[in-house]
Amino acid sequence: MKNPDRPWTALYGPDVRADIGAPSYRNLPDLIHSVAETYGTAKAFTCCLPNGMNGTLSFEQINEMSDALAVYLREVAGLSAGDRVAVQMPNCLGFPIAAFGILKAGCVLVNVNPLYTAEEMAKQFEDAEPHALIIVDMFADKIPAATRGHPVPNVIITRVAEFFPAMPKGIVGLVQKYWDRSVKPIEVPHIRLPDALDAGRGHIAADRIEVHGYHQSITTDDIAVLQYTGGTTGVPKGAMLTHGNLILNTEQAIELFGGDLDKGREVILTALPLYHIFAFTVNFMTFYRLGARNILIPNPRPLSNLKRAFENYRITWMSGVNTLFNGLSHELWFLDSPPRHMKFAGAGGMALQSSVAARWREITGTEVMQGYGLTETSPVVTFEPPGKTRAGTIGIPVPSTEVACFGDEGGPLPLGETGEIGVRGPQVMKGYWKKPDETAKVMNGAWFLTGDIGVMDDDGYVRIVDRKKDLVCVSGFNVYPNEVEDVLAAHPAVLDAAVIGVPDASTGEAVKAFIVSGDPSLDADALRAYCKEHLTGYKVPKQVEFRDDLPKSNVGKTLRKDLRAEDPARPAAE
């Protein structure tokens, strides 16, 4: 029988609970230990390089190593419960060790994009004030500039091929050092991750330390992760995600898909970066909890980097964004030999185009189920239930979650009316780190206001209509116009600048910059080269248009909405 207040529950499977109740674990370390005891020597994480070289760690190995790291952080580095530890690395075997070790130490994990420039790192470090940084060696040359104004007292260095067998690890190291020279000399005091683990093991043996003592007082309400986002206001800030937020969000996903999940037998491909909240919660935490084998891809570009992973492993699940599914659907090697064991694929981060979903279904014989979430909601809010996909929607609310569309007066609207999407549930963040005013802007009582405009139909399926704010979404990653405009404005030849998102066939949206220049010799290529010195690649304007002036309001504010209203197909100066 359909519940008029929560009509979507009628679409749940017969064994799916509408409300989950209290989390099954007191905190994430308890979950991590319990899963390791259950699955023991089974393979937990495999890092697969483009040439097929790989390394694998079991559940018990990950558990032992993360215990050792926790002891190192507390006994050697001198950290205390609640201290922040930044992790900056691509998908590799060091990531689960680092993330689990930080949580077991009772500390707070701060995920950092490994491709950030030193300037971007500095902004995040200034806000989070990490007491330690665990970073891959390829990006360690940025540390001096990134920490100049706010030193990080403990630096731990790892490698992409860390914990690989000796021969492939040695080959990768030689290639990075002498062939592509991707690893530069490290100019800050540091310790290597294996040495940190050995130091932790030494303390465990000598002092008989019980790691659970570090986290035995941690509850579901304590902060587990600071996940940085621009939120709905465009100002980068750290969403405080608690142990309870993340535990329950994994339970919400498992509850919805429970009948299609085979514990201990799933193999998930993780091409999305684990520092991103979608991959962190869905691929990393949820499938770890299921005892799945996780195939980690350090760099999915070019897409041929995924070929050996699909060839060598029995992939049953994968997650991605529209860009990834669209790209794979045009790779000849993928067309010649599509995955034979795939059950489903999950899409998030950006709108899944119907043509891409149809092509994927034609090639693989499986559905791409679209979901919706935000950093502030840990992230999963809605998902299309298995076998009940509906084109153009982002699915229905997951268990224990309410979704409503809010009007300008601040109250929920009837079904079928368009308004700002609000979310209420146990996955909603505790607030923004050190920013109570920003938190107040997005909370309406217990409801988190997403900044997205949507509509819910009579069955509970939600459709996104538009963004309330000016955020640009490039391949699932948020780009904040203010940040890009600040960089552009710093160029000596730029008099005025405005940034918007425009449709793009490959990335969903692309960044377009409108420039008023005082130097006729300035061209788009030079401006993009300048941006690349200060911004991560996906934030760099793909299109640049030079103008004599920009539309302004009566008080001189640039009117981005007027720029967006123009024909997006008009030619841009490239």
Protein backbone atom coordinates (compact mmCIF):
# COMPACT_ATOMS: atom_id res chain seq x y z
CA MET A 1 0.00 0.00 0.00
CA LYS A 2 1.37 3.41 -0.99
CA ASN A 3 2.24 5.78 1.88
CA PRO A 4 1.01 9.25 0.80
CA ASP A 5 3.86 10.90 2.72
CA ARG A 6 6.54 8.54 1.39
CA PRO A 7 5.12 7.05 -1.85
CA TRP A 8 8.51 5.72 -2.96
CA THR A 9 8.49 3.00 -0.29
CA ALA A 10 5.97 1.08 -2.41
CA LEU A 11 8.76 0.58 -4.96
CA TYR A 12 11.11 -1.07 -2.49
CA GLY A 13 11.68 -4.80 -2.79
CA PRO A 14 9.75 -7.13 -0.44
CA ASP A 15 12.74 -7.49 1.92
CA VAL A 16 13.74 -3.83 1.96
CA ARG A 17 13.03 -1.96 5.19
CA ALA A 18 11.64 1.54 4.82
CA ASP A 19 13.45 2.57 8.01
CA ILE A 20 16.75 1.06 9.08
CA GLY A 21 16.89 2.28 12.66
CA ALA A 22 20.09 2.55 14.68
CA PRO A 23 23.43 1.79 12.98
CA SER A 24 24.86 -1.69 13.38
CA TYR A 25 28.21 -0.38 14.67
CA ARG A 26 29.24 2.17 17.27
CA ASN A 27 31.89 3.67 15.00
CA LEU A 28 33.77 2.98 11.77
CA PRO A 29 36.79 1.25 13.41
CA ASP A 30 34.42 -1.32 14.91
CA LEU A 31 33.00 -1.93 11.43
CA ILE A 32 36.50 -2.23 9.93
CA HIS A 33 37.67 -4.78 12.53
CA SER A 34 34.47 -6.81 12.25
CA VAL A 35 34.68 -7.08 8.45
CA ALA A 36 38.36 -8.09 8.62
CA GLU A 37 37.55 -10.87 11.09
CA THR A 38 34.74 -12.12 8.84
CA TYR A 39 36.69 -12.23 5.56
CA GLY A 40 40.23 -12.80 6.83
CA THR A 41 42.59 -13.92 4.06
CA ALA A 42 40.18 -13.11 1.21
CA LYS A 43 41.46 -10.52 -1.27
CA ALA A 44 40.26 -7.05 -0.32
CA PHE A 45 42.07 -4.54 -2.55
CA THR A 46 43.96 -4.97 -5.80
CA CYS A 47 45.73 -2.04 -7.45
CA CYS A 48 45.93 -2.61 -11.22
CA LEU A 49 48.27 -0.56 -13.42
CA PRO A 50 47.67 0.02 -17.16
CA ASN A 51 50.20 -2.68 -18.12
CA GLY A 52 48.51 -5.23 -15.84
CA MET A 53 51.13 -5.15 -13.06
CA ASN A 54 49.36 -5.30 -9.74
CA GLY A 55 49.50 -5.76 -6.01
CA THR A 56 46.90 -7.22 -3.67
CA LEU A 57 46.23 -7.07 0.06
CA SER A 58 43.79 -9.24 2.02
CA PHE A 59 41.30 -8.06 4.63
CA GLU A 60 43.52 -9.23 7.48
CA GLN A 61 46.60 -7.54 5.95
CA ILE A 62 44.76 -4.24 5.59
CA ASN A 63 43.54 -4.60 9.17
CA GLU A 64 47.01 -5.30 10.58
CA MET A 65 48.67 -2.50 8.60
CA SER A 66 46.03 0.07 9.54
CA ASP A 67 46.43 -0.95 13.20
CA ALA A 68 50.16 -0.29 12.88
CA LEU A 69 49.55 3.11 11.29
CA ALA A 70 47.11 4.06 14.03
CA VAL A 71 49.75 3.30 16.66
CA TYR A 72 52.37 5.27 14.71
CA LEU A 73 50.09 8.31 14.53
CA ARG A 74 49.33 8.24 18.26
CA GLU A 75 52.60 7.00 19.82
CA VAL A 76 55.26 8.32 17.42
CA ALA A 77 53.70 11.31 15.66
CA GLY A 78 52.03 12.33 18.93
CA LEU A 79 48.52 12.92 17.57
CA SER A 80 45.43 12.99 19.77
CA ALA A 81 41.82 12.00 19.21
CA GLY A 82 40.11 14.47 16.90
CA ASP A 83 43.31 15.66 15.20
CA ARG A 84 43.02 15.98 11.43
CA VAL A 85 45.13 13.92 9.03
CA ALA A 86 45.16 14.81 5.34
CA VAL A 87 45.40 12.05 2.73
CA GLN A 88 46.47 12.99 -0.78
CA MET A 89 46.93 10.05 -3.10
CA PRO A 90 45.35 8.39 -6.13
CA ASN A 91 43.61 5.02 -5.89
CA CYS A 92 46.29 2.67 -4.59
CA LEU A 93 46.89 0.16 -1.78
CA GLY A 94 48.08 2.91 0.53
CA PHE A 95 44.65 4.54 0.58
CA PRO A 96 42.71 1.96 2.63
CA ILE A 97 45.65 1.60 5.02
CA ALA A 98 45.79 5.37 5.50
CA ALA A 99 42.03 5.93 5.80
CA PHE A 100 41.45 3.02 8.19
CA GLY A 101 44.55 3.83 10.24
CA ILE A 102 43.45 7.43 10.73
CA LEU A 103 39.97 6.37 11.83
CA LYS A 104 41.34 3.70 14.19
CA ALA A 105 43.61 6.32 15.76
CA GLY A 106 40.49 8.31 16.65
CA CYS A 107 41.57 11.05 14.25
CA VAL A 108 39.65 12.79 11.46
CA LEU A 109 40.36 11.96 7.82
CA VAL A 110 40.71 14.92 5.44
CA ASN A 111 40.50 13.84 1.80
CA VAL A 112 42.56 16.01 -0.57
CA ASN A 113 42.55 15.90 -4.36
CA PRO A 114 46.05 14.67 -5.31
CA LEU A 115 46.00 16.82 -8.46
CA TYR A 116 45.55 20.05 -6.53
CA THR A 117 48.08 22.78 -7.11
CA ALA A 118 50.12 23.94 -4.11
CA GLU A 119 47.88 26.99 -3.99
CA GLU A 120 44.73 24.86 -3.70
CA MET A 121 46.35 22.58 -1.14
CA ALA A 122 47.31 25.59 0.97
CA LYS A 123 43.71 26.80 1.15
CA GLN A 124 42.48 23.43 2.38
CA PHE A 125 45.35 22.98 4.85
CA GLU A 126 44.76 26.46 6.23
CA ASP A 127 41.15 25.59 6.99
CA ALA A 128 41.53 21.97 8.18
CA GLU A 129 44.82 22.51 10.07
CA PRO A 130 46.00 18.92 9.63
CA HIS A 131 48.50 17.52 12.11
CA ALA A 132 49.80 15.01 9.56
CA LEU A 133 49.83 14.49 5.80
CA ILE A 134 50.00 11.13 4.00
CA ILE A 135 50.86 11.85 0.37
CA VAL A 136 52.04 9.95 -2.70
CA ASP A 137 55.62 10.74 -3.73
CA MET A 138 54.64 12.03 -7.21
CA PHE A 139 53.04 15.12 -5.65
CA ALA A 140 55.33 15.66 -2.65
CA ASP A 141 57.22 18.45 -4.43
CA LYS A 142 54.19 20.70 -3.77
CA ILE A 143 54.49 20.39 0.01
CA PRO A 144 56.93 23.28 0.70
CA ALA A 145 54.75 25.84 -1.07
CA ALA A 146 51.49 24.35 0.23
CA THR A 147 52.59 24.43 3.88
CA ARG A 148 54.55 27.68 3.94
CA GLY A 149 51.92 29.55 5.93
CA HIS A 150 50.65 26.61 7.99
CA PRO A 151 53.24 23.84 8.51
CA VAL A 152 52.15 20.21 8.76
CA PRO A 153 54.38 18.66 11.43
CA ASN A 154 54.22 15.04 10.23
CA VAL A 155 54.63 13.97 6.60
CA ILE A 156 54.33 10.32 5.50
CA ILE A 157 55.27 9.43 1.92
CA THR A 158 53.89 6.50 -0.04
CA ARG A 159 54.14 5.26 -3.65
CA VAL A 160 51.59 4.15 -6.21
CA ALA A 161 53.18 0.67 -6.31
CA GLU A 162 53.60 0.42 -2.52
CA PHE A 163 52.97 -3.12 -1.27
CA PHE A 164 53.33 -4.62 -4.76
CA PRO A 165 55.58 -7.69 -5.13
CA ALA A 166 59.26 -6.71 -5.28
CA MET A 167 59.79 -7.03 -9.03
CA PRO A 168 56.86 -4.91 -10.33
CA LYS A 169 57.39 -2.40 -7.51
CA GLY A 170 61.02 -2.03 -8.54
CA ILE A 171 60.16 -1.65 -12.21
CA VAL A 172 57.57 1.03 -11.52
CA GLY A 173 60.01 2.89 -9.28
CA LEU A 174 62.73 2.89 -11.93
CA VAL A 175 60.33 4.09 -14.62
CA GLN A 176 59.07 6.94 -12.44
CA LYS A 177 62.55 7.99 -11.38
CA TYR A 178 64.52 7.72 -14.60
CA TRP A 179 62.09 7.42 -17.53
CA ASP A 180 59.13 9.74 -17.02
CA ARG A 181 60.75 11.57 -14.06
CA SER A 182 57.37 11.84 -12.32
CA VAL A 183 58.97 11.62 -8.87
CA LYS A 184 61.05 14.62 -7.86
CA PRO A 185 63.34 14.99 -4.83
CA ILE A 186 61.41 15.40 -1.58
CA GLU A 187 62.57 18.52 0.24
CA VAL A 188 60.70 18.21 3.55
CA PRO A 189 61.38 15.95 6.55
CA HIS A 190 59.30 12.80 6.15
CA ILE A 191 58.98 9.10 6.81
CA ARG A 192 58.07 6.40 4.32
CA LEU A 193 54.77 4.63 4.91
CA PRO A 194 56.36 1.14 5.31
CA ASP A 195 58.78 2.58 7.90
CA ALA A 196 55.89 4.21 9.77
CA LEU A 197 54.12 0.85 9.85
CA ASP A 198 57.25 -0.86 11.20
CA ALA A 199 57.53 1.79 13.91
CA GLY A 200 53.91 1.22 14.88
CA ARG A 201 54.42 -2.55 14.98
CA GLY A 202 57.41 -2.02 17.26
CA HIS A 203 55.29 -0.12 19.76
CA ILE A 204 52.53 -2.73 19.59
CA ALA A 205 55.04 -5.48 20.41
CA ALA A 206 57.00 -3.60 23.06
CA ASP A 207 54.16 -1.80 24.82
CA ARG A 208 51.36 -4.31 24.18
CA ILE A 209 49.15 -1.55 22.87
CA GLU A 210 45.49 -2.33 22.24
CA VAL A 211 44.45 -0.25 19.22
CA HIS A 212 40.77 -0.30 20.16
CA GLY A 213 41.66 1.92 23.10
CA TYR A 214 42.13 4.83 20.73
CA HIS A 215 38.54 4.69 19.50
CA GLN A 216 36.56 2.92 22.20
CA SER A 217 34.92 6.19 23.32
CA ILE A 218 34.05 7.35 19.79
CA THR A 219 30.32 7.42 19.07
CA THR A 220 28.19 7.78 15.95
CA ASP A 221 28.01 11.54 16.55
CA ASP A 222 31.79 12.11 16.38
CA ILE A 223 33.39 13.48 13.20
CA ALA A 224 35.03 10.85 11.01
CA VAL A 225 35.77 12.75 7.79
CA LEU A 226 36.17 16.37 6.72
CA GLN A 227 35.06 16.28 3.09
CA TYR A 228 35.64 19.56 1.28
CA THR A 229 33.05 21.03 -1.03
CA GLY A 230 31.76 24.30 -2.34
CA GLY A 231 28.35 23.28 -1.10
CA THR A 232 25.47 25.38 -2.34
CA THR A 233 27.17 28.75 -1.82
CA GLY A 234 30.36 28.36 -3.85
CA VAL A 235 32.73 28.85 -0.89
CA PRO A 236 34.94 25.74 -0.35
CA LYS A 237 34.37 24.34 3.12
CA GLY A 238 34.64 21.09 5.04
CA ALA A 239 31.48 19.06 5.55
CA MET A 240 31.68 17.30 8.91
CA LEU A 241 30.63 13.72 8.22
CA THR A 242 30.21 11.65 11.35
CA HIS A 243 30.79 7.97 11.97
CA GLY A 244 27.02 7.57 12.06
CA ASN A 245 26.52 9.42 8.77
CA LEU A 246 28.87 7.10 6.91
CA ILE A 247 27.87 3.83 8.60
CA LEU A 248 24.20 4.46 7.94
CA ASN A 249 24.76 5.60 4.37
CA THR A 250 26.47 2.27 3.63
CA GLU A 251 23.52 0.51 5.27
CA GLN A 252 21.04 2.53 3.22
CA ALA A 253 22.73 1.49 -0.03
CA ILE A 254 23.02 -2.15 1.02
CA GLU A 255 19.37 -2.21 2.12
CA LEU A 256 18.14 -0.93 -1.24
CA PHE A 257 20.32 -3.30 -3.30
CA GLY A 258 20.52 -6.16 -0.81
CA GLY A 259 18.86 -8.76 -3.01
CA ASP A 260 21.38 -8.15 -5.78
CA LEU A 261 24.50 -8.22 -3.60
CA ASP A 262 26.40 -11.44 -2.94
CA LYS A 263 28.51 -10.93 0.18
CA GLY A 264 32.10 -12.05 -0.19
CA ARG A 265 31.81 -12.61 -3.94
CA GLU A 266 31.41 -9.19 -5.56
CA VAL A 267 34.25 -7.56 -7.51
CA ILE A 268 33.92 -3.80 -7.91
CA LEU A 269 35.94 -1.66 -10.29
CA THR A 270 36.96 1.67 -8.76
CA ALA A 271 38.00 4.10 -11.47
CA LEU A 272 36.54 7.15 -9.72
CA PRO A 273 39.00 8.70 -7.26
CA LEU A 274 38.56 7.59 -3.66
CA TYR A 275 39.05 11.12 -2.35
CA HIS A 276 35.65 11.92 -3.98
CA ILE A 277 32.74 11.26 -1.62
CA PHE A 278 30.81 9.10 -4.11
CA ALA A 279 33.64 6.60 -4.54
CA PHE A 280 34.65 6.87 -0.88
CA THR A 281 31.26 5.83 0.50
CA VAL A 282 29.91 3.61 -2.28
CA ASN A 283 32.97 1.86 -3.72
CA PHE A 284 35.25 1.97 -0.71
CA MET A 285 33.22 1.69 2.49
CA THR A 286 30.07 -0.05 1.23
CA PHE A 287 31.79 -2.75 -0.80
CA TYR A 288 34.45 -3.27 1.88
CA ARG A 289 31.59 -3.96 4.26
CA LEU A 290 30.24 -6.53 1.78
CA GLY A 291 33.57 -8.37 1.67
CA ALA A 292 34.02 -7.47 -1.99
CA ARG A 293 37.29 -7.39 -3.88
CA ASN A 294 38.00 -3.81 -4.91
CA ILE A 295 40.00 -3.25 -8.12
CA LEU A 296 41.69 0.13 -7.75
CA ILE A 297 42.63 2.13 -10.85
CA PRO A 298 45.18 4.87 -10.04
CA ASN A 299 44.49 6.83 -13.24
CA PRO A 300 41.59 6.05 -15.61
CA ARG A 301 42.89 8.37 -18.32
CA PRO A 302 43.21 7.40 -21.07
CA LEU A 303 40.41 4.87 -20.83
CA SER A 304 42.72 2.20 -22.23
CA ASN A 305 44.17 2.19 -18.69
CA LEU A 306 41.10 0.14 -17.71
CA LYS A 307 41.59 -2.55 -20.36
CA ARG A 308 43.72 -4.94 -18.33
CA ALA A 309 41.45 -4.61 -15.29
CA PHE A 310 38.42 -5.66 -17.32
CA GLU A 311 40.43 -8.49 -18.91
CA ASN A 312 42.00 -9.87 -15.73
CA TYR A 313 39.23 -9.58 -13.13
CA ARG A 314 35.63 -10.77 -12.86
CA ILE A 315 34.06 -7.31 -12.52
CA THR A 316 30.48 -7.51 -11.22
CA TRP A 317 29.86 -3.86 -10.28
CA MET A 318 31.31 -0.48 -11.17
CA SER A 319 30.45 3.13 -10.53
CA GLY A 320 31.12 6.11 -12.72
CA VAL A 321 29.91 9.36 -14.18
CA ASN A 322 28.29 9.95 -17.56
CA THR A 323 31.68 10.81 -19.06
CA LEU A 324 33.16 7.43 -18.11
CA PHE A 325 30.27 5.36 -19.43
CA ASN A 326 30.13 7.38 -22.63
CA GLY A 327 33.86 7.04 -23.19
CA LEU A 328 33.95 3.29 -22.58
CA SER A 329 31.05 2.84 -25.00
CA HIS A 330 33.27 4.18 -27.77
CA GLU A 331 36.43 2.23 -26.96
CA LEU A 332 37.04 -0.52 -29.54
CA TRP A 333 38.60 -2.89 -27.02
CA PHE A 334 35.55 -2.50 -24.76
CA LEU A 335 33.16 -3.08 -27.68
CA ASP A 336 35.08 -6.19 -28.75
CA SER A 337 35.03 -7.72 -25.28
CA PRO A 338 32.44 -6.15 -22.92
CA PRO A 339 32.40 -7.38 -19.29
CA ARG A 340 30.58 -10.72 -19.04
CA HIS A 341 29.92 -10.81 -15.29
CA MET A 342 28.62 -7.27 -14.77
CA LYS A 343 25.40 -7.05 -12.74
CA PHE A 344 24.83 -3.31 -12.57
CA ALA A 345 26.64 -0.02 -12.84
CA GLY A 346 25.89 3.00 -10.69
CA ALA A 347 26.05 6.57 -12.01
CA GLY A 348 26.29 9.75 -10.00
CA GLY A 349 28.04 13.10 -9.88
CA MET A 350 26.35 14.46 -13.00
CA ALA A 351 23.29 13.77 -15.13
CA LEU A 352 23.33 10.47 -16.97
CA GLN A 353 22.36 11.09 -20.58
CA SER A 354 19.62 8.76 -21.84
CA SER A 355 21.56 8.00 -25.03
CA VAL A 356 24.57 6.92 -22.97
CA ALA A 357 22.44 4.67 -20.77
CA ALA A 358 20.85 3.08 -23.84
CA ARG A 359 24.19 2.46 -25.52
CA TRP A 360 25.63 0.93 -22.33
CA ARG A 361 22.62 -1.37 -22.07
CA GLU A 362 23.07 -2.42 -25.69
CA ILE A 363 26.77 -3.20 -25.24
CA THR A 364 26.80 -4.85 -21.81
CA GLY A 365 23.24 -6.07 -21.38
CA THR A 366 23.10 -4.34 -17.99
CA GLU A 367 21.52 -1.18 -16.63
CA VAL A 368 23.24 1.96 -15.40
CA MET A 369 21.29 2.99 -12.32
CA GLN A 370 21.44 6.69 -11.65
CA GLY A 371 21.68 8.11 -8.17
CA TYR A 372 21.90 11.49 -6.54
CA GLY A 373 23.79 12.79 -3.59
CA LEU A 374 25.95 15.54 -2.22
CA THR A 375 29.03 15.78 -0.08
CA GLU A 376 26.83 17.06 2.73
CA THR A 377 24.70 13.89 2.60
CA SER A 378 27.56 11.38 2.78
CA PRO A 379 26.52 11.32 -0.23
CA VAL A 380 23.69 8.95 -1.25
CA VAL A 381 20.16 10.43 -1.19
CA THR A 382 18.35 8.70 -4.06
CA PHE A 383 18.96 5.78 -6.41
CA GLU A 384 17.02 3.99 -9.08
CA PRO A 385 15.96 0.64 -7.59
CA PRO A 386 17.15 -2.48 -9.46
CA GLY A 387 14.87 -3.33 -12.38
CA LYS A 388 12.87 -0.10 -11.96
CA THR A 389 14.94 2.53 -13.73
CA ARG A 390 13.05 5.53 -15.06
CA ALA A 391 14.64 7.70 -17.75
CA GLY A 392 15.36 11.30 -16.84
CA THR A 393 15.15 10.75 -13.08
CA ILE A 394 17.64 10.33 -10.26
CA GLY A 395 15.60 7.56 -8.68
CA ILE A 396 13.78 7.40 -5.35
CA PRO A 397 14.93 8.16 -1.80
CA VAL A 398 16.94 5.41 -0.13
CA PRO A 399 15.58 3.92 3.13
CA SER A 400 15.37 6.19 6.20
CA THR A 401 15.46 9.22 3.91
CA GLU A 402 12.88 11.88 3.16
CA VAL A 403 13.04 14.14 0.12
CA ALA A 404 10.77 17.11 -0.53
CA CYS A 405 10.77 20.15 -2.79
CA PHE A 406 10.66 23.47 -0.95
CA GLY A 407 9.09 26.69 -2.15
CA ASP A 408 10.32 30.24 -1.73
CA GLU A 409 8.33 30.57 1.48
CA GLY A 410 10.41 27.82 3.07
CA GLY A 411 7.86 25.03 3.31
CA PRO A 412 7.54 21.68 1.46
CA LEU A 413 5.47 21.76 -1.73
CA PRO A 414 2.92 19.16 -2.89
CA LEU A 415 4.09 16.36 -5.19
CA GLY A 416 4.49 17.49 -8.77
CA GLU A 417 5.48 21.06 -7.92
CA THR A 418 8.97 22.36 -8.64
CA GLY A 419 11.14 23.65 -5.84
CA GLU A 420 14.48 23.40 -4.07
CA ILE A 421 15.28 19.81 -3.13
CA GLY A 422 15.50 19.24 0.62
CA VAL A 423 16.83 16.11 2.33
CA ARG A 424 16.17 14.78 5.82
CA GLY A 425 17.85 11.61 7.06
CA PRO A 426 20.67 10.11 9.12
CA GLN A 427 23.22 10.75 6.34
CA VAL A 428 22.94 14.56 6.57
CA MET A 429 26.18 16.13 7.78
CA LYS A 430 26.79 17.57 11.23
CA GLY A 431 27.56 20.95 9.65
CA TYR A 432 30.42 22.83 8.01
CA TRP A 433 33.76 22.85 9.83
CA LYS A 434 34.21 26.12 11.76
CA LYS A 435 31.47 27.79 9.68
CA PRO A 436 28.22 27.96 11.67
CA ASP A 437 26.91 30.80 9.51
CA GLU A 438 27.38 28.75 6.34
CA THR A 439 25.70 25.79 8.04
CA ALA A 440 22.69 27.93 8.95
CA LYS A 441 22.27 28.97 5.30
CA VAL A 442 21.66 25.40 4.13
CA MET A 443 19.66 23.97 7.03
CA ASN A 444 15.90 24.38 7.46
CA GLY A 445 15.43 22.67 10.79
CA ALA A 446 16.46 19.05 10.17
CA TRP A 447 16.19 19.53 6.40
CA PHE A 448 19.31 20.11 4.32
CA LEU A 449 18.57 22.37 1.34
CA THR A 450 20.61 21.17 -1.60
CA GLY A 451 20.56 24.21 -3.86
CA ASP A 452 19.21 22.03 -6.69
CA ILE A 453 15.79 22.61 -8.19
CA GLY A 454 13.74 19.49 -8.76
CA VAL A 455 10.34 17.88 -8.86
CA MET A 456 8.99 14.60 -7.43
CA ASP A 457 6.30 12.61 -9.24
CA ASP A 458 3.45 10.70 -7.61
CA ASP A 459 5.56 7.54 -7.26
CA GLY A 460 8.46 9.33 -5.56
CA TYR A 461 10.87 9.52 -8.50
CA VAL A 462 12.84 12.75 -8.46
CA ARG A 463 13.95 14.77 -11.48
CA ILE A 464 16.54 17.55 -11.38
CA VAL A 465 15.34 20.67 -13.17
CA ASP A 466 18.21 23.11 -12.67
CA ARG A 467 20.83 24.35 -10.24
CA LYS A 468 19.87 27.07 -7.87
CA LYS A 469 23.41 28.37 -7.71
CA ASP A 470 26.06 28.94 -10.32
CA LEU A 471 28.05 25.76 -9.71
CA VAL A 472 29.56 24.17 -12.83
CA CYS A 473 29.75 20.35 -12.95
CA VAL A 474 32.62 18.99 -15.07
CA SER A 475 32.61 15.18 -15.29
CA GLY A 476 30.99 15.03 -11.87
CA PHE A 477 33.38 17.47 -10.21
CA ASN A 478 32.19 20.82 -8.91
CA VAL A 479 33.83 23.97 -10.23
CA TYR A 480 33.11 27.19 -8.38
CA PRO A 481 33.01 30.21 -10.69
CA ASN A 482 34.25 32.58 -7.98
CA GLU A 483 37.47 30.59 -7.61
CA VAL A 484 38.20 30.55 -11.34
CA GLU A 485 37.29 34.22 -11.70
CA ASP A 486 39.68 35.11 -8.88
CA VAL A 487 42.53 33.42 -10.74
CA LEU A 488 41.62 35.09 -14.03
CA ALA A 489 41.35 38.49 -12.39
CA ALA A 490 44.90 38.14 -11.07
CA HIS A 491 46.27 38.05 -14.63
CA PRO A 492 47.80 41.48 -15.35
CA ALA A 493 46.09 41.76 -18.74
CA VAL A 494 42.58 40.87 -17.51
CA LEU A 495 40.31 43.78 -16.66
CA ASP A 496 37.16 41.78 -15.94
CA ALA A 497 36.12 38.12 -16.01
CA ALA A 498 33.05 35.95 -15.61
CA VAL A 499 32.75 32.16 -15.61
CA ILE A 500 29.75 29.95 -16.39
CA GLY A 501 29.11 26.34 -17.34
CA VAL A 502 28.18 25.47 -20.92
CA PRO A 503 27.00 22.13 -22.36
CA ASP A 504 29.79 19.78 -23.40
CA ALA A 505 29.38 16.43 -25.16
CA SER A 506 32.23 14.71 -23.32
CA THR A 507 32.12 16.18 -19.80
CA GLY A 508 28.47 17.19 -19.38
CA GLU A 509 29.48 20.76 -18.74
CA ALA A 510 32.61 22.75 -19.51
CA VAL A 511 33.98 25.92 -17.98
CA LYS A 512 33.61 28.98 -20.19
CA ALA A 513 35.29 32.28 -19.36
CA PHE A 514 34.23 35.71 -20.64
CA ILE A 515 37.17 38.10 -20.59
CA VAL A 516 37.56 41.84 -20.86
CA SER A 517 41.25 42.42 -21.61
CA GLY A 518 43.44 45.49 -21.63
CA ASP A 519 46.04 43.80 -23.85
CA PRO A 520 45.03 42.99 -27.44
CA SER A 521 47.82 40.40 -27.68
CA LEU A 522 46.34 38.20 -24.94
CA ASP A 523 44.86 35.04 -26.44
CA ALA A 524 42.92 32.04 -25.13
CA ASP A 525 45.90 29.67 -25.12
CA ALA A 526 48.01 32.02 -23.02
CA LEU A 527 45.16 32.54 -20.59
CA ARG A 528 44.58 28.79 -20.20
CA ALA A 529 48.29 28.22 -19.65
CA TYR A 530 48.19 30.79 -16.88
CA CYS A 531 45.18 29.10 -15.27
CA LYS A 532 46.93 25.71 -15.34
CA GLU A 533 49.58 27.15 -13.01
CA HIS A 534 46.95 27.87 -10.36
CA LEU A 535 44.08 25.44 -10.93
CA THR A 536 43.45 21.72 -11.30
CA GLY A 537 42.90 20.74 -14.93
CA TYR A 538 39.11 20.34 -14.84
CA LYS A 539 38.74 23.90 -13.50
CA VAL A 540 40.67 25.48 -16.38
CA PRO A 541 38.34 27.20 -18.88
CA LYS A 542 37.81 25.08 -21.97
CA GLN A 543 36.27 27.99 -23.83
CA VAL A 544 37.37 31.62 -23.70
CA GLU A 545 35.45 34.50 -25.23
CA PHE A 546 36.84 38.04 -25.31
CA ARG A 547 34.39 40.93 -24.95
CA ASP A 548 34.37 44.67 -24.63
CA ASP A 549 32.26 44.50 -21.47
CA LEU A 550 30.17 42.15 -19.32
CA PRO A 551 26.51 42.46 -18.31
CA LYS A 552 26.16 44.11 -14.91
CA SER A 553 23.39 44.79 -12.39
CA ASN A 554 22.56 48.25 -11.10
CA VAL A 555 25.09 47.80 -8.33
CA GLY A 556 27.83 46.56 -10.65
CA LYS A 557 27.48 42.81 -10.05
CA THR A 558 28.26 40.64 -13.06
CA LEU A 559 25.11 38.92 -14.28
CA ARG A 560 26.09 35.33 -14.99
CA LYS A 561 22.45 34.49 -15.67
CA ASP A 562 22.47 36.84 -18.65
CA LEU A 563 25.55 35.09 -20.04
CA ARG A 564 23.94 31.68 -19.55
CA ALA A 565 20.78 32.87 -21.29
CA GLU A 566 22.67 33.54 -24.50
CA ASP A 567 22.81 30.89 -27.19
CA PRO A 568 25.29 28.27 -25.84
CA ALA A 569 26.14 27.32 -29.41
CA ARG A 570 27.55 30.75 -30.32
CA PRO A 571 31.22 30.46 -31.34
CA ALA A 572 33.90 31.14 -28.76
CA ALA A 573 37.41 32.43 -29.34
CA GLU A 574 39.63 29.39 -28.92
